[in-house]
Amino acid sequence: MSRYLGHSAWIGVFVVFVIGCGSEGPKTYSVTGKITIKGQPAKDIRLTFSPVDPKGEAATGVVAPDGTYTLSTGIQGKAGAMPGKYKVVIAADLSKVDMSAAYSGTKGPPKPPESPVPKEYESAQTSPKEVEVQAQSNTINIDI
């Protein structure tokens, strides 16, 4: 009988541990700021903070037309980013570009519009911009 009680106690501890650890996800801190390209507010872009530490999680930002952004982490979309160093990855958000004019009067697929983002910023491996998120509320302005 005591053998079964011992197993039940361990199962209870395990269940509490799993439920307690999995529900909150990583500890994140608010990250906001403004991104500009050659001094002008960036628009129609996607912003990603790619962690330098392989154990970190990427954080992504929605960039408003005035260039301001707010980050969220992971597939769960938890507000903010984990503390640590990140490579800044920026790519044109072609889903916001009106392609109807490009298709009118053409034979075959049109040439994609020119991206306002310099090529080196489109990959974590080539991005020259690195930022650090602190364990506090962060305002990180980015100018490329």
Protein backbone atom coordinates (compact mmCIF):
# COMPACT_ATOMS: atom_id res chain seq x y z
CA MET A 1 0.00 0.00 0.00
CA SER A 2 2.73 2.51 0.90
CA ARG A 3 4.45 1.67 -2.38
CA TYR A 4 1.40 2.91 -4.31
CA LEU A 5 1.18 6.07 -2.21
CA GLY A 6 4.83 6.81 -3.02
CA HIS A 7 4.17 6.45 -6.76
CA SER A 8 1.08 8.67 -6.50
CA ALA A 9 3.07 11.36 -4.72
CA TRP A 10 5.74 11.35 -7.45
CA ILE A 11 3.12 11.50 -10.18
CA GLY A 12 1.49 14.47 -8.43
CA VAL A 13 4.82 16.30 -8.18
CA PHE A 14 5.53 15.59 -11.85
CA VAL A 15 2.11 16.89 -12.97
CA VAL A 16 2.49 20.09 -10.93
CA PHE A 17 6.00 20.60 -12.33
CA VAL A 18 4.91 20.13 -15.95
CA ILE A 19 1.83 22.34 -15.64
CA GLY A 20 3.71 25.01 -13.68
CA CYS A 21 6.61 25.25 -16.09
CA GLY A 22 4.87 24.98 -19.42
CA SER A 23 2.10 27.50 -19.10
CA GLU A 24 4.06 30.74 -18.84
CA GLY A 25 6.82 30.23 -21.39
CA PRO A 26 10.06 32.22 -21.32
CA LYS A 27 10.44 35.42 -19.28
CA THR A 28 10.19 38.34 -21.70
CA TYR A 29 10.52 42.11 -21.39
CA SER A 30 8.79 44.85 -23.38
CA VAL A 31 10.64 45.95 -26.53
CA THR A 32 9.41 48.90 -28.58
CA GLY A 33 11.09 51.44 -30.79
CA LYS A 34 11.23 53.04 -34.19
CA ILE A 35 13.01 51.77 -37.27
CA THR A 36 14.23 54.10 -39.99
CA ILE A 37 15.99 53.50 -43.28
CA LYS A 38 18.27 56.37 -44.28
CA GLY A 39 16.48 58.58 -41.75
CA GLN A 40 12.96 57.88 -43.08
CA PRO A 41 10.39 55.78 -41.18
CA ALA A 42 10.49 52.21 -42.46
CA LYS A 43 7.18 50.88 -43.74
CA ASP A 44 5.97 47.65 -45.29
CA ILE A 45 8.72 45.65 -43.60
CA ARG A 46 8.99 42.69 -41.23
CA LEU A 47 11.34 42.99 -38.27
CA THR A 48 12.90 40.00 -36.51
CA PHE A 49 15.33 39.91 -33.62
CA SER A 50 17.25 36.67 -34.22
CA PRO A 51 18.98 35.44 -31.01
CA VAL A 52 22.76 35.15 -31.02
CA ASP A 53 22.43 32.46 -28.30
CA PRO A 54 21.06 29.27 -29.90
CA LYS A 55 18.95 28.66 -26.77
CA GLY A 56 17.08 31.94 -27.29
CA GLU A 57 13.83 32.46 -29.16
CA ALA A 58 13.31 34.87 -32.03
CA ALA A 59 11.14 37.93 -31.49
CA THR A 60 9.18 39.53 -34.31
CA GLY A 61 7.72 42.96 -34.74
CA VAL A 62 4.84 44.54 -36.51
CA VAL A 63 6.07 47.81 -38.02
CA ALA A 64 3.49 50.59 -38.27
CA PRO A 65 3.51 53.10 -41.16
CA ASP A 66 5.35 55.62 -38.94
CA GLY A 67 8.18 53.09 -38.34
CA THR A 68 7.27 52.21 -34.75
CA TYR A 69 7.25 48.57 -33.69
CA THR A 70 6.49 46.27 -30.77
CA LEU A 71 8.07 42.82 -30.41
CA SER A 72 6.54 39.50 -29.44
CA THR A 73 8.29 36.17 -28.87
CA GLY A 74 7.76 32.66 -30.16
CA ILE A 75 4.83 30.99 -31.79
CA GLN A 76 2.70 31.81 -28.76
CA GLY A 77 3.21 35.53 -29.48
CA LYS A 78 4.16 36.46 -25.92
CA ALA A 79 4.69 40.23 -25.64
CA GLY A 80 8.33 41.32 -25.56
CA ALA A 81 11.65 39.50 -25.99
CA MET A 82 13.94 37.42 -23.82
CA PRO A 83 17.04 39.20 -22.46
CA GLY A 84 20.13 38.74 -24.62
CA LYS A 85 21.89 39.75 -27.83
CA TYR A 86 20.11 39.63 -31.17
CA LYS A 87 20.90 40.16 -34.84
CA VAL A 88 18.40 42.53 -36.45
CA VAL A 89 16.80 41.01 -39.54
CA ILE A 90 14.65 43.20 -41.78
CA ALA A 91 12.77 42.14 -44.87
CA ALA A 92 10.24 43.82 -47.11
CA ASP A 93 6.68 42.73 -46.36
CA LEU A 94 5.54 42.07 -49.91
CA SER A 95 2.08 41.06 -48.70
CA LYS A 96 1.41 44.79 -48.22
CA VAL A 97 2.55 45.78 -51.72
CA ASP A 98 -0.16 46.31 -54.34
CA MET A 99 0.87 44.04 -57.21
CA SER A 100 -2.17 44.78 -59.43
CA ALA A 101 -0.37 47.59 -61.26
CA ALA A 102 2.64 45.36 -61.86
CA TYR A 103 0.45 42.71 -63.51
CA SER A 104 -1.46 45.03 -65.82
CA GLY A 105 -0.29 44.91 -69.42
CA THR A 106 2.47 42.35 -68.84
CA LYS A 107 3.04 38.95 -70.34
CA GLY A 108 4.10 36.51 -67.68
CA PRO A 109 4.89 37.27 -64.07
CA PRO A 110 6.10 40.79 -63.33
CA LYS A 111 9.39 41.62 -61.72
CA PRO A 112 8.97 41.91 -57.91
CA PRO A 113 9.15 45.46 -56.59
CA GLU A 114 12.51 46.75 -55.37
CA SER A 115 12.99 46.19 -51.66
CA PRO A 116 13.80 49.29 -49.57
CA VAL A 117 15.91 47.07 -47.28
CA PRO A 118 19.64 46.58 -48.02
CA LYS A 119 20.28 42.88 -48.81
CA GLU A 120 22.66 42.28 -45.90
CA TYR A 121 19.83 42.92 -43.39
CA GLU A 122 17.65 40.14 -44.83
CA SER A 123 19.52 37.35 -43.00
CA ALA A 124 20.81 36.84 -39.45
CA GLN A 125 24.07 35.48 -40.91
CA THR A 126 24.80 38.69 -42.84
CA SER A 127 23.10 41.41 -40.78
CA PRO A 128 25.67 43.88 -39.42
CA LYS A 129 23.22 45.21 -36.81
CA GLU A 130 23.24 43.70 -33.32
CA VAL A 131 21.17 44.87 -30.34
CA GLU A 132 20.81 43.77 -26.74
CA VAL A 133 17.56 43.33 -24.84
CA GLN A 134 17.91 44.04 -21.12
CA ALA A 135 15.87 42.47 -18.31
CA GLN A 136 13.71 45.62 -18.15
CA SER A 137 11.40 47.63 -20.41
CA ASN A 138 13.41 48.42 -23.58
CA THR A 139 13.20 51.14 -26.21
CA ILE A 140 15.47 50.23 -29.12
CA ASN A 141 15.53 52.62 -32.08
CA ILE A 142 17.14 51.26 -35.22
CA ASP A 143 18.50 53.30 -38.12
CA ILE A 144 20.03 51.61 -41.13
